[in-house]
């Protein structure tokens, strides 16, 4: 007989407020670990970071940005040359195609200026809602939530979401936290990356242990 998965115990309104306050206290000035100097570099870095570590992206991008310092140079690049610069990144073939198409559209439709509106950003090749939100969060402190694997995992372990998709998880977190979403997004990324890890979470002395709905799974 197949056992049904246990339903996630959801955090109470009181717990949600307390979790929010703790995240803001522990990560008051949280920002991305991606290294960039401008909007163009940020967008490319976020696009490359999909299913790839920020550390790897930061190794790749300096040479890429030197060769293609703006969308104008990237838009006329040879696709195989782009691949050579990013071939140590996961799914580099598809990402190279998206980088080229993205740059070409920005040149053609946006006068070489990357748009800073969600609905316009997601028109660009390789830019979905999560990527668009991350760019806006990091570049302009937009009150948006973006859900990657770390945020998804942390949200479910803390009972902040029971959604099956990243998009619905984003909606739930935005509704529950309401404000300071740009800081909370990155706080949850960092917490998930270094503390509440997927396979071996560091539960000892975790500052959110009292709110964890999954701690029974990690007891030795």
N, C-alpha and C. Protein backbone atom coordinates (compact mmCIF):
# COMPACT_ATOMS: atom_id res chain seq x y z
N UNK A 1 0.85 -1.20 0.00
CA UNK A 1 0.00 0.00 0.00
C UNK A 1 0.88 1.25 0.00
N UNK A 2 0.62 2.15 -0.91
CA UNK A 2 1.42 3.36 -1.01
C UNK A 2 0.97 4.37 0.02
N UNK A 3 1.93 4.86 0.80
CA UNK A 3 1.61 5.85 1.82
C UNK A 3 1.49 7.23 1.19
N UNK A 4 0.52 7.98 1.62
CA UNK A 4 0.36 9.35 1.15
C UNK A 4 1.41 10.24 1.80
N UNK A 5 1.93 11.16 1.03
CA UNK A 5 2.91 12.10 1.59
C UNK A 5 2.25 12.96 2.65
N UNK A 6 2.99 13.20 3.71
CA UNK A 6 2.44 14.02 4.79
C UNK A 6 2.18 15.43 4.31
N UNK A 7 1.04 15.93 4.68
CA UNK A 7 0.69 17.30 4.31
C UNK A 7 1.56 18.26 5.09
N UNK A 8 2.05 19.28 4.42
CA UNK A 8 2.90 20.27 5.07
C UNK A 8 2.11 21.04 6.11
N UNK A 9 2.65 21.13 7.30
CA UNK A 9 2.01 21.94 8.34
C UNK A 9 2.36 23.40 8.07
N UNK A 10 1.34 24.20 7.91
CA UNK A 10 1.57 25.59 7.53
C UNK A 10 1.86 26.48 8.74
N UNK A 11 2.71 27.48 8.52
CA UNK A 11 3.04 28.44 9.57
C UNK A 11 1.83 29.32 9.88
N UNK A 12 1.70 29.67 11.13
CA UNK A 12 0.61 30.57 11.53
C UNK A 12 0.96 32.01 11.16
N UNK A 13 -0.02 32.89 11.24
CA UNK A 13 0.24 34.31 10.94
C UNK A 13 1.31 34.87 11.87
N UNK A 14 1.26 34.46 13.13
CA UNK A 14 2.25 34.91 14.11
C UNK A 14 3.64 34.41 13.73
N UNK A 15 3.73 33.15 13.33
CA UNK A 15 5.01 32.58 12.94
C UNK A 15 5.56 33.26 11.68
N UNK A 16 4.69 33.56 10.74
CA UNK A 16 5.12 34.22 9.51
C UNK A 16 5.77 35.57 9.82
N UNK A 17 5.14 36.34 10.68
CA UNK A 17 5.70 37.65 11.06
C UNK A 17 7.03 37.49 11.77
N UNK A 18 7.13 36.48 12.64
CA UNK A 18 8.37 36.25 13.38
C UNK A 18 9.48 35.78 12.44
N UNK A 19 9.15 34.89 11.50
CA UNK A 19 10.14 34.42 10.53
C UNK A 19 10.64 35.59 9.68
N UNK A 20 9.73 36.43 9.27
CA UNK A 20 10.09 37.61 8.48
C UNK A 20 11.05 38.51 9.25
N UNK A 21 10.74 38.78 10.50
CA UNK A 21 11.59 39.64 11.32
C UNK A 21 12.98 39.03 11.52
N UNK A 22 13.03 37.73 11.70
CA UNK A 22 14.32 37.05 11.90
C UNK A 22 15.17 37.10 10.65
N UNK A 23 14.56 36.84 9.50
CA UNK A 23 15.30 36.93 8.24
C UNK A 23 15.87 38.33 8.03
N UNK A 24 15.07 39.34 8.29
CA UNK A 24 15.53 40.72 8.10
C UNK A 24 16.61 41.10 9.09
N UNK A 25 16.56 40.52 10.27
CA UNK A 25 17.58 40.79 11.28
C UNK A 25 18.90 40.10 10.92
N UNK A 26 18.80 38.86 10.46
CA UNK A 26 20.01 38.09 10.15
C UNK A 26 20.65 38.48 8.82
N UNK A 27 19.83 38.95 7.89
CA UNK A 27 20.34 39.33 6.57
C UNK A 27 19.83 40.73 6.23
N UNK A 28 20.30 41.75 6.93
CA UNK A 28 19.75 43.10 6.75
C UNK A 28 20.09 43.76 5.42
N UNK A 29 21.20 43.38 4.84
CA UNK A 29 21.64 44.00 3.58
C UNK A 29 21.96 42.94 2.54
N UNK A 30 21.14 41.92 2.46
CA UNK A 30 21.43 40.80 1.58
C UNK A 30 21.35 41.20 0.11
N UNK A 31 22.36 40.79 -0.63
CA UNK A 31 22.41 41.04 -2.08
C UNK A 31 22.90 39.78 -2.77
N UNK A 32 22.77 39.75 -4.08
CA UNK A 32 23.21 38.60 -4.85
C UNK A 32 24.72 38.40 -4.72
N UNK A 33 25.15 37.16 -4.88
CA UNK A 33 26.59 36.87 -4.90
C UNK A 33 27.15 36.91 -6.32
N UNK A 34 26.30 37.15 -7.28
CA UNK A 34 26.76 37.34 -8.65
C UNK A 34 27.52 38.67 -8.75
N UNK A 35 28.58 38.68 -9.52
CA UNK A 35 29.40 39.88 -9.66
C UNK A 35 29.08 40.59 -10.97
N UNK A 36 28.70 41.86 -10.88
CA UNK A 36 28.33 42.62 -12.06
C UNK A 36 28.57 44.10 -11.82
N UNK A 37 28.66 44.86 -12.91
CA UNK A 37 28.89 46.30 -12.82
C UNK A 37 27.73 47.13 -13.35
N UNK A 38 26.86 46.51 -14.13
CA UNK A 38 25.75 47.25 -14.71
C UNK A 38 24.59 46.31 -15.01
N UNK A 39 23.50 46.87 -15.52
CA UNK A 39 22.30 46.09 -15.77
C UNK A 39 22.52 45.00 -16.80
N UNK A 40 23.26 45.31 -17.83
CA UNK A 40 23.58 44.32 -18.88
C UNK A 40 24.30 43.11 -18.28
N UNK A 41 25.30 43.37 -17.46
CA UNK A 41 26.05 42.28 -16.84
C UNK A 41 25.19 41.50 -15.84
N UNK A 42 24.34 42.20 -15.13
CA UNK A 42 23.46 41.52 -14.17
C UNK A 42 22.51 40.57 -14.90
N UNK A 43 21.89 41.04 -15.96
CA UNK A 43 20.94 40.21 -16.69
C UNK A 43 21.61 38.95 -17.22
N UNK A 44 22.77 39.10 -17.81
CA UNK A 44 23.48 37.94 -18.35
C UNK A 44 23.87 36.98 -17.23
N UNK A 45 24.34 37.51 -16.12
CA UNK A 45 24.74 36.66 -14.99
C UNK A 45 23.57 35.87 -14.45
N UNK A 46 22.42 36.51 -14.33
CA UNK A 46 21.23 35.82 -13.83
C UNK A 46 20.77 34.76 -14.82
N UNK A 47 20.83 35.08 -16.11
CA UNK A 47 20.46 34.10 -17.13
C UNK A 47 21.38 32.87 -17.07
N UNK A 48 22.67 33.10 -16.88
CA UNK A 48 23.62 31.98 -16.82
C UNK A 48 23.49 31.18 -15.53
N UNK A 49 22.99 31.80 -14.48
CA UNK A 49 22.94 31.15 -13.17
C UNK A 49 21.85 30.09 -13.05
N UNK A 50 20.96 30.01 -14.03
CA UNK A 50 19.92 28.99 -13.99
C UNK A 50 20.55 27.60 -14.00
N UNK A 51 20.30 26.82 -12.95
CA UNK A 51 20.86 25.48 -12.80
C UNK A 51 22.39 25.46 -12.88
N UNK A 52 22.97 26.57 -12.42
CA UNK A 52 24.43 26.69 -12.34
C UNK A 52 24.75 27.53 -11.12
N UNK A 53 25.88 27.29 -10.49
CA UNK A 53 26.20 28.02 -9.27
C UNK A 53 26.67 29.44 -9.58
N UNK A 54 26.42 30.34 -8.64
CA UNK A 54 26.91 31.71 -8.79
C UNK A 54 28.43 31.73 -8.89
N UNK A 55 29.07 30.84 -8.16
CA UNK A 55 30.54 30.78 -8.18
C UNK A 55 31.04 30.47 -9.59
N UNK A 56 30.43 29.53 -10.25
CA UNK A 56 30.83 29.18 -11.61
C UNK A 56 30.56 30.33 -12.56
N UNK A 57 29.41 30.98 -12.43
CA UNK A 57 29.06 32.11 -13.29
C UNK A 57 30.10 33.23 -13.14
N UNK A 58 30.52 33.48 -11.91
CA UNK A 58 31.50 34.54 -11.66
C UNK A 58 32.87 34.23 -12.26
N UNK A 59 33.14 32.95 -12.48
CA UNK A 59 34.39 32.56 -13.15
C UNK A 59 34.28 32.80 -14.65
N UNK A 60 33.11 32.56 -15.20
CA UNK A 60 32.87 32.65 -16.63
C UNK A 60 32.77 34.09 -17.15
N UNK A 61 32.07 34.94 -16.40
CA UNK A 61 31.65 36.23 -16.96
C UNK A 61 32.74 37.27 -17.23
N UNK A 62 33.82 37.36 -16.47
CA UNK A 62 34.80 38.41 -16.77
C UNK A 62 35.28 38.41 -18.22
N UNK A 63 35.65 37.24 -18.73
CA UNK A 63 36.13 37.16 -20.12
C UNK A 63 35.00 37.44 -21.11
N UNK A 64 33.80 36.96 -20.77
CA UNK A 64 32.63 37.18 -21.63
C UNK A 64 32.32 38.67 -21.74
N UNK A 65 32.34 39.37 -20.61
CA UNK A 65 32.03 40.80 -20.61
C UNK A 65 33.14 41.63 -21.27
N UNK A 66 34.36 41.16 -21.19
CA UNK A 66 35.47 41.86 -21.84
C UNK A 66 35.32 41.79 -23.36
N UNK A 67 34.91 40.62 -23.83
CA UNK A 67 34.75 40.43 -25.28
C UNK A 67 33.49 41.10 -25.81
N UNK A 68 32.44 41.07 -25.00
CA UNK A 68 31.16 41.67 -25.40
C UNK A 68 30.72 42.63 -24.30
N UNK A 69 31.24 43.87 -24.31
CA UNK A 69 30.96 44.82 -23.23
C UNK A 69 29.55 45.39 -23.20
N UNK A 70 28.76 45.18 -24.25
CA UNK A 70 27.39 45.67 -24.27
C UNK A 70 26.55 44.82 -25.21
N UNK A 71 25.26 45.08 -25.25
CA UNK A 71 24.38 44.31 -26.14
C UNK A 71 24.75 44.51 -27.61
N UNK A 72 25.32 45.65 -27.95
CA UNK A 72 25.69 45.92 -29.34
C UNK A 72 26.72 44.91 -29.86
N UNK A 73 27.73 44.64 -29.06
CA UNK A 73 28.74 43.66 -29.46
C UNK A 73 28.19 42.23 -29.41
N UNK A 74 27.39 41.96 -28.39
CA UNK A 74 26.85 40.61 -28.24
C UNK A 74 25.86 40.29 -29.36
N UNK A 75 25.11 41.27 -29.79
CA UNK A 75 24.09 41.06 -30.82
C UNK A 75 24.66 40.61 -32.16
N UNK A 76 25.93 40.93 -32.43
CA UNK A 76 26.54 40.56 -33.71
C UNK A 76 27.61 39.47 -33.53
N UNK A 77 27.61 38.86 -32.36
CA UNK A 77 28.62 37.82 -32.07
C UNK A 77 28.30 36.53 -32.81
N UNK A 78 29.32 35.73 -33.02
CA UNK A 78 29.15 34.40 -33.59
C UNK A 78 28.71 33.47 -32.46
N UNK A 79 27.67 32.70 -32.70
CA UNK A 79 27.11 31.83 -31.66
C UNK A 79 28.15 30.86 -31.11
N UNK A 80 29.02 30.36 -31.97
CA UNK A 80 30.05 29.41 -31.51
C UNK A 80 31.08 30.08 -30.62
N UNK A 81 31.34 31.36 -30.84
CA UNK A 81 32.27 32.08 -29.98
C UNK A 81 31.66 32.29 -28.60
N UNK A 82 30.37 32.59 -28.57
CA UNK A 82 29.70 32.75 -27.28
C UNK A 82 29.77 31.44 -26.49
N UNK A 83 29.54 30.34 -27.19
CA UNK A 83 29.59 29.02 -26.54
C UNK A 83 30.96 28.74 -25.92
N UNK A 84 32.01 29.20 -26.59
CA UNK A 84 33.36 28.96 -26.07
C UNK A 84 33.57 29.65 -24.72
N UNK A 85 32.94 30.81 -24.55
CA UNK A 85 33.10 31.55 -23.30
C UNK A 85 32.29 30.97 -22.15
N UNK A 86 31.22 30.27 -22.47
CA UNK A 86 30.33 29.80 -21.39
C UNK A 86 30.22 28.27 -21.34
N UNK A 87 31.14 27.57 -22.02
CA UNK A 87 30.97 26.12 -22.14
C UNK A 87 31.17 25.33 -20.84
N UNK A 88 31.61 25.99 -19.78
CA UNK A 88 31.71 25.30 -18.50
C UNK A 88 30.45 25.51 -17.66
N UNK A 89 29.48 26.17 -18.25
CA UNK A 89 28.20 26.43 -17.59
C UNK A 89 27.18 25.38 -18.05
N UNK A 90 26.32 24.96 -17.19
CA UNK A 90 25.30 23.98 -17.55
C UNK A 90 24.40 24.52 -18.66
N UNK A 91 24.02 23.62 -19.58
CA UNK A 91 23.13 23.96 -20.70
C UNK A 91 23.65 25.15 -21.53
N UNK A 92 24.97 25.15 -21.75
CA UNK A 92 25.59 26.31 -22.40
C UNK A 92 25.13 26.51 -23.84
N UNK A 93 24.78 25.43 -24.53
CA UNK A 93 24.32 25.59 -25.92
C UNK A 93 23.04 26.42 -25.98
N UNK A 94 22.08 26.06 -25.16
CA UNK A 94 20.81 26.78 -25.15
C UNK A 94 20.97 28.20 -24.61
N UNK A 95 21.82 28.34 -23.60
CA UNK A 95 22.05 29.66 -23.01
C UNK A 95 22.74 30.58 -24.00
N UNK A 96 23.65 30.06 -24.80
CA UNK A 96 24.32 30.88 -25.81
C UNK A 96 23.31 31.40 -26.82
N UNK A 97 22.40 30.54 -27.24
CA UNK A 97 21.36 30.96 -28.19
C UNK A 97 20.49 32.06 -27.59
N UNK A 98 20.13 31.88 -26.33
CA UNK A 98 19.29 32.88 -25.67
C UNK A 98 20.01 34.21 -25.47
N UNK A 99 21.29 34.16 -25.14
CA UNK A 99 22.06 35.40 -24.98
C UNK A 99 22.09 36.19 -26.28
N UNK A 100 22.32 35.48 -27.37
CA UNK A 100 22.39 36.14 -28.68
C UNK A 100 21.03 36.75 -29.06
N UNK A 101 19.97 35.96 -28.90
CA UNK A 101 18.62 36.44 -29.24
C UNK A 101 18.20 37.60 -28.34
N UNK A 102 18.56 37.50 -27.06
CA UNK A 102 18.24 38.57 -26.11
C UNK A 102 18.87 39.88 -26.55
N UNK A 103 20.17 39.81 -26.86
CA UNK A 103 20.90 41.02 -27.27
C UNK A 103 20.34 41.60 -28.56
N UNK A 104 20.02 40.74 -29.49
CA UNK A 104 19.49 41.21 -30.78
C UNK A 104 18.15 41.91 -30.60
N UNK A 105 17.30 41.39 -29.72
CA UNK A 105 15.99 42.01 -29.49
C UNK A 105 16.13 43.34 -28.77
N UNK A 106 17.05 43.41 -27.81
CA UNK A 106 17.28 44.67 -27.08
C UNK A 106 17.77 45.75 -28.05
N UNK A 107 18.65 45.38 -28.95
CA UNK A 107 19.16 46.34 -29.95
C UNK A 107 18.03 46.79 -30.88
N UNK A 108 17.25 45.82 -31.34
CA UNK A 108 16.22 46.11 -32.33
C UNK A 108 15.00 46.83 -31.76
N UNK A 109 14.51 46.36 -30.61
CA UNK A 109 13.24 46.86 -30.08
C UNK A 109 13.37 47.87 -28.94
N UNK A 110 14.52 47.89 -28.27
CA UNK A 110 14.64 48.74 -27.08
C UNK A 110 15.81 49.74 -27.17
N UNK A 111 16.27 49.98 -28.40
CA UNK A 111 17.31 50.99 -28.60
C UNK A 111 18.54 50.77 -27.71
N UNK A 112 18.96 49.53 -27.62
CA UNK A 112 20.16 49.13 -26.87
C UNK A 112 20.01 49.24 -25.35
N UNK A 113 18.80 49.54 -24.87
CA UNK A 113 18.58 49.68 -23.43
C UNK A 113 17.74 48.52 -22.91
N UNK A 114 18.28 47.79 -21.95
CA UNK A 114 17.54 46.68 -21.37
C UNK A 114 16.36 47.22 -20.58
N UNK A 115 15.15 46.76 -20.85
CA UNK A 115 13.96 47.28 -20.15
C UNK A 115 13.95 46.85 -18.69
N UNK A 116 13.35 47.68 -17.85
CA UNK A 116 13.27 47.35 -16.42
C UNK A 116 11.82 47.22 -15.96
N UNK A 117 11.03 46.59 -16.80
CA UNK A 117 9.66 46.26 -16.45
C UNK A 117 9.48 44.76 -16.65
N UNK A 118 8.80 44.11 -15.71
CA UNK A 118 8.68 42.65 -15.77
C UNK A 118 8.10 42.18 -17.10
N UNK A 119 7.01 42.80 -17.55
CA UNK A 119 6.35 42.33 -18.77
C UNK A 119 7.23 42.50 -20.00
N UNK A 120 8.13 43.47 -19.97
CA UNK A 120 9.05 43.67 -21.09
C UNK A 120 10.25 42.72 -20.99
N UNK A 121 10.75 42.53 -19.79
CA UNK A 121 11.89 41.64 -19.61
C UNK A 121 11.57 40.21 -20.04
N UNK A 122 10.37 39.74 -19.72
CA UNK A 122 10.05 38.35 -20.04
C UNK A 122 9.80 38.13 -21.54
N UNK A 123 9.81 39.20 -22.32
CA UNK A 123 9.75 39.07 -23.77
C UNK A 123 11.10 38.66 -24.34
N UNK A 124 12.15 38.84 -23.54
CA UNK A 124 13.51 38.53 -24.01
C UNK A 124 13.76 37.03 -23.93
N UNK A 125 14.49 36.52 -24.89
CA UNK A 125 14.82 35.09 -24.92
C UNK A 125 15.55 34.68 -23.64
N UNK A 126 15.13 33.57 -23.06
CA UNK A 126 15.80 33.05 -21.87
C UNK A 126 15.45 33.75 -20.58
N UNK A 127 14.50 34.67 -20.64
CA UNK A 127 14.12 35.42 -19.43
C UNK A 127 12.68 35.08 -19.05
N UNK A 128 12.53 34.30 -18.00
CA UNK A 128 11.21 33.99 -17.48
C UNK A 128 10.89 34.92 -16.32
N UNK A 129 9.81 34.63 -15.64
CA UNK A 129 9.38 35.50 -14.55
C UNK A 129 10.39 35.54 -13.41
N UNK A 130 10.97 34.39 -13.09
CA UNK A 130 11.95 34.36 -12.00
C UNK A 130 13.17 35.21 -12.32
N UNK A 131 13.71 35.05 -13.54
CA UNK A 131 14.87 35.83 -13.94
C UNK A 131 14.56 37.32 -13.96
N UNK A 132 13.40 37.67 -14.51
CA UNK A 132 12.99 39.08 -14.56
C UNK A 132 12.89 39.65 -13.15
N UNK A 133 12.29 38.90 -12.25
CA UNK A 133 12.13 39.38 -10.87
C UNK A 133 13.47 39.55 -10.17
N UNK A 134 14.37 38.59 -10.37
CA UNK A 134 15.69 38.68 -9.73
C UNK A 134 16.42 39.93 -10.21
N UNK A 135 16.37 40.19 -11.51
CA UNK A 135 17.03 41.38 -12.06
C UNK A 135 16.45 42.64 -11.43
N UNK A 136 15.13 42.73 -11.35
CA UNK A 136 14.49 43.92 -10.79
C UNK A 136 14.73 44.05 -9.29
N UNK A 137 14.78 42.92 -8.59
CA UNK A 137 15.07 42.91 -7.16
C UNK A 137 16.46 43.47 -6.91
N UNK A 138 17.44 42.92 -7.64
CA UNK A 138 18.83 43.28 -7.40
C UNK A 138 19.19 44.66 -7.92
N UNK A 139 18.62 45.05 -9.05
CA UNK A 139 19.03 46.31 -9.67
C UNK A 139 18.29 47.52 -9.13
N UNK A 140 17.03 47.33 -8.75
CA UNK A 140 16.25 48.49 -8.32
C UNK A 140 15.49 48.28 -7.01
N UNK A 141 15.80 47.16 -6.31
CA UNK A 141 15.16 46.92 -5.03
C UNK A 141 13.65 46.79 -5.13
N UNK A 142 13.16 46.22 -6.23
CA UNK A 142 11.72 46.08 -6.44
C UNK A 142 11.12 45.16 -5.39
N UNK A 143 9.92 45.49 -4.95
CA UNK A 143 9.23 44.69 -3.93
C UNK A 143 8.61 43.46 -4.60
N UNK A 144 9.50 42.54 -4.99
CA UNK A 144 9.10 41.32 -5.68
C UNK A 144 9.75 40.12 -5.01
N UNK A 145 9.16 38.96 -5.19
CA UNK A 145 9.73 37.71 -4.70
C UNK A 145 10.09 36.86 -5.91
N UNK A 146 11.23 36.22 -5.85
CA UNK A 146 11.64 35.29 -6.90
C UNK A 146 11.93 33.95 -6.23
N UNK A 147 11.49 32.88 -6.83
CA UNK A 147 11.62 31.56 -6.21
C UNK A 147 12.52 30.65 -7.02
N UNK A 148 13.71 30.39 -6.49
CA UNK A 148 14.60 29.40 -7.08
C UNK A 148 14.51 28.14 -6.22
N UNK A 149 15.41 27.19 -6.43
CA UNK A 149 15.35 25.94 -5.68
C UNK A 149 15.55 26.16 -4.18
N UNK A 150 16.40 27.12 -3.82
CA UNK A 150 16.66 27.39 -2.41
C UNK A 150 15.44 27.99 -1.73
N UNK A 151 14.85 28.99 -2.35
CA UNK A 151 13.67 29.65 -1.78
C UNK A 151 12.51 28.67 -1.70
N UNK A 152 12.34 27.85 -2.72
CA UNK A 152 11.27 26.85 -2.75
C UNK A 152 11.42 25.89 -1.57
N UNK A 153 12.64 25.40 -1.37
CA UNK A 153 12.90 24.44 -0.29
C UNK A 153 12.68 25.06 1.07
N UNK A 154 13.22 26.24 1.29
CA UNK A 154 13.08 26.91 2.59
C UNK A 154 11.62 27.24 2.87
N UNK A 155 10.91 27.72 1.87
CA UNK A 155 9.50 28.07 2.06
C UNK A 155 8.68 26.87 2.50
N UNK A 156 8.97 25.71 1.93
CA UNK A 156 8.21 24.51 2.29
C UNK A 156 8.63 23.95 3.64
N UNK A 157 9.91 23.99 3.94
CA UNK A 157 10.36 23.48 5.24
C UNK A 157 9.86 24.33 6.40
N UNK A 158 9.67 25.61 6.15
CA UNK A 158 9.18 26.51 7.20
C UNK A 158 7.66 26.63 7.21
N UNK A 159 7.00 25.91 6.31
CA UNK A 159 5.55 25.97 6.28
C UNK A 159 5.00 27.27 5.75
N UNK A 160 5.79 27.95 4.94
CA UNK A 160 5.35 29.21 4.34
C UNK A 160 4.61 28.96 3.03
N UNK A 161 4.78 27.77 2.47
CA UNK A 161 4.11 27.42 1.23
C UNK A 161 3.88 25.92 1.16
N UNK A 162 2.79 25.55 0.52
CA UNK A 162 2.52 24.14 0.23
C UNK A 162 2.30 23.96 -1.27
N UNK A 163 2.73 24.95 -2.04
CA UNK A 163 2.52 24.94 -3.50
C UNK A 163 3.44 23.95 -4.18
N UNK A 164 2.98 23.46 -5.32
CA UNK A 164 3.77 22.50 -6.07
C UNK A 164 4.65 23.16 -7.14
N UNK A 165 4.43 24.43 -7.41
CA UNK A 165 5.21 25.13 -8.43
C UNK A 165 5.87 26.37 -7.85
N UNK A 166 6.93 26.81 -8.53
CA UNK A 166 7.64 28.01 -8.09
C UNK A 166 6.76 29.24 -8.21
N UNK A 167 5.96 29.30 -9.26
CA UNK A 167 5.11 30.46 -9.49
C UNK A 167 4.08 30.63 -8.37
N UNK A 168 3.45 29.53 -7.98
CA UNK A 168 2.45 29.60 -6.91
C UNK A 168 3.12 29.85 -5.56
N UNK A 169 4.31 29.30 -5.38
CA UNK A 169 5.07 29.58 -4.16
C UNK A 169 5.38 31.06 -4.07
N UNK A 170 5.78 31.65 -5.19
CA UNK A 170 6.04 33.09 -5.24
C UNK A 170 4.81 33.88 -4.83
N UNK A 171 3.66 33.49 -5.33
CA UNK A 171 2.41 34.18 -5.00
C UNK A 171 2.10 34.08 -3.51
N UNK A 172 2.31 32.89 -2.95
CA UNK A 172 2.03 32.70 -1.52
C UNK A 172 2.97 33.53 -0.65
N UNK A 173 4.25 33.52 -0.98
CA UNK A 173 5.22 34.27 -0.19
C UNK A 173 4.97 35.77 -0.28
N UNK A 174 4.64 36.23 -1.47
CA UNK A 174 4.36 37.66 -1.67
C UNK A 174 3.15 38.10 -0.86
N UNK A 175 2.15 37.26 -0.82
CA UNK A 175 0.92 37.57 -0.08
C UNK A 175 1.16 37.56 1.42
N UNK A 176 1.98 36.62 1.88
CA UNK A 176 2.20 36.48 3.32
C UNK A 176 3.19 37.50 3.87
N UNK A 177 4.25 37.78 3.13
CA UNK A 177 5.26 38.72 3.61
C UNK A 177 4.91 40.17 3.28
N UNK A 178 4.31 40.39 2.12
CA UNK A 178 3.81 41.70 1.68
C UNK A 178 4.90 42.74 1.38
N UNK A 179 5.78 43.01 2.33
CA UNK A 179 6.79 44.06 2.15
C UNK A 179 8.20 43.50 2.33
N UNK A 180 9.20 44.28 1.96
CA UNK A 180 10.61 43.90 2.07
C UNK A 180 10.91 42.61 1.31
N UNK A 181 10.16 42.37 0.25
CA UNK A 181 10.31 41.12 -0.49
C UNK A 181 11.69 40.98 -1.12
N UNK A 182 12.28 42.10 -1.56
CA UNK A 182 13.59 42.03 -2.20
C UNK A 182 14.66 41.53 -1.22
N UNK A 183 14.56 41.96 0.03
CA UNK A 183 15.51 41.49 1.05
C UNK A 183 15.21 40.05 1.46
N UNK A 184 13.94 39.73 1.58
CA UNK A 184 13.55 38.40 2.01
C UNK A 184 13.91 37.35 0.96
N UNK A 185 13.78 37.71 -0.30
CA UNK A 185 14.17 36.78 -1.37
C UNK A 185 15.63 36.37 -1.22
N UNK A 186 16.51 37.36 -1.13
CA UNK A 186 17.93 37.03 -1.05
C UNK A 186 18.29 36.39 0.27
N UNK A 187 17.61 36.77 1.34
CA UNK A 187 17.85 36.14 2.64
C UNK A 187 17.54 34.65 2.57
N UNK A 188 16.44 34.31 1.92
CA UNK A 188 16.05 32.90 1.80
C UNK A 188 17.00 32.14 0.88
N UNK A 189 17.52 32.82 -0.14
CA UNK A 189 18.52 32.20 -1.02
C UNK A 189 19.76 31.84 -0.21
N UNK A 190 20.28 32.80 0.53
CA UNK A 190 21.50 32.58 1.31
C UNK A 190 21.29 31.55 2.41
N UNK A 191 20.15 31.62 3.06
CA UNK A 191 19.83 30.65 4.12
C UNK A 191 19.74 29.24 3.54
N UNK A 192 19.11 29.11 2.39
CA UNK A 192 18.99 27.81 1.76
C UNK A 192 20.30 27.29 1.20
N UNK A 193 21.13 28.19 0.75
CA UNK A 193 22.41 27.82 0.14
C UNK A 193 23.43 27.34 1.17
N UNK A 194 23.46 27.99 2.33
CA UNK A 194 24.51 27.70 3.30
C UNK A 194 24.05 27.05 4.59
N UNK A 195 22.77 27.15 4.93
CA UNK A 195 22.28 26.58 6.19
C UNK A 195 21.27 25.47 5.94
N UNK A 196 20.18 25.81 5.30
CA UNK A 196 19.09 24.86 5.08
C UNK A 196 19.29 24.17 3.74
N UNK A 197 20.40 23.44 3.63
CA UNK A 197 20.79 22.81 2.38
C UNK A 197 19.88 21.62 2.05
N UNK A 198 19.88 21.24 0.79
CA UNK A 198 18.95 20.21 0.32
C UNK A 198 19.18 18.86 1.00
N UNK A 199 20.41 18.36 0.97
CA UNK A 199 20.68 17.01 1.46
C UNK A 199 21.19 16.97 2.89
N UNK A 200 21.99 17.91 3.26
CA UNK A 200 22.58 17.90 4.61
C UNK A 200 22.40 19.26 5.28
N UNK A 201 21.17 19.59 5.65
CA UNK A 201 20.95 20.89 6.30
C UNK A 201 21.67 20.96 7.63
N UNK A 202 22.17 22.14 7.95
CA UNK A 202 22.89 22.33 9.21
C UNK A 202 21.86 22.75 10.26
N UNK A 203 21.27 21.76 10.89
CA UNK A 203 20.17 22.04 11.83
C UNK A 203 20.65 22.48 13.21
N UNK A 204 21.89 22.11 13.54
CA UNK A 204 22.43 22.49 14.84
C UNK A 204 22.55 24.02 14.91
N UNK A 205 22.01 24.58 15.95
CA UNK A 205 22.09 26.03 16.19
C UNK A 205 21.42 26.85 15.08
N UNK A 206 20.51 26.26 14.34
CA UNK A 206 19.79 26.99 13.31
C UNK A 206 18.87 28.01 13.97
N UNK A 207 18.94 29.25 13.54
CA UNK A 207 18.15 30.30 14.18
C UNK A 207 16.66 30.24 13.83
N UNK A 208 16.30 29.31 12.93
CA UNK A 208 14.89 29.12 12.60
C UNK A 208 14.39 27.72 12.97
N UNK A 209 15.15 27.04 13.81
CA UNK A 209 14.80 25.67 14.18
C UNK A 209 13.40 25.55 14.79
N UNK A 210 13.01 26.53 15.56
CA UNK A 210 11.70 26.48 16.22
C UNK A 210 10.53 26.57 15.24
N UNK A 211 10.83 27.01 14.01
CA UNK A 211 9.76 27.19 13.02
C UNK A 211 9.77 26.10 11.95
N UNK A 212 10.77 25.24 11.99
CA UNK A 212 10.93 24.22 10.96
C UNK A 212 9.85 23.15 11.07
N UNK A 213 9.21 22.85 9.95
CA UNK A 213 8.17 21.82 9.91
C UNK A 213 8.74 20.49 9.42
N UNK A 214 10.03 20.46 9.13
CA UNK A 214 10.65 19.24 8.56
C UNK A 214 11.75 18.68 9.44
N UNK A 215 11.93 19.25 10.63
CA UNK A 215 13.10 18.85 11.43
C UNK A 215 13.11 17.37 11.82
N UNK A 216 11.91 16.74 11.90
CA UNK A 216 11.88 15.32 12.25
C UNK A 216 12.61 14.49 11.21
N UNK A 217 12.60 14.95 9.96
CA UNK A 217 13.26 14.19 8.88
C UNK A 217 14.77 14.19 9.02
N UNK A 218 15.32 15.16 9.74
CA UNK A 218 16.78 15.31 9.77
C UNK A 218 17.40 14.88 11.11
N UNK A 219 16.58 14.30 11.96
CA UNK A 219 17.14 13.82 13.23
C UNK A 219 17.97 12.56 13.00
N UNK A 220 19.10 12.51 13.69
CA UNK A 220 19.99 11.34 13.56
C UNK A 220 19.47 10.20 14.42
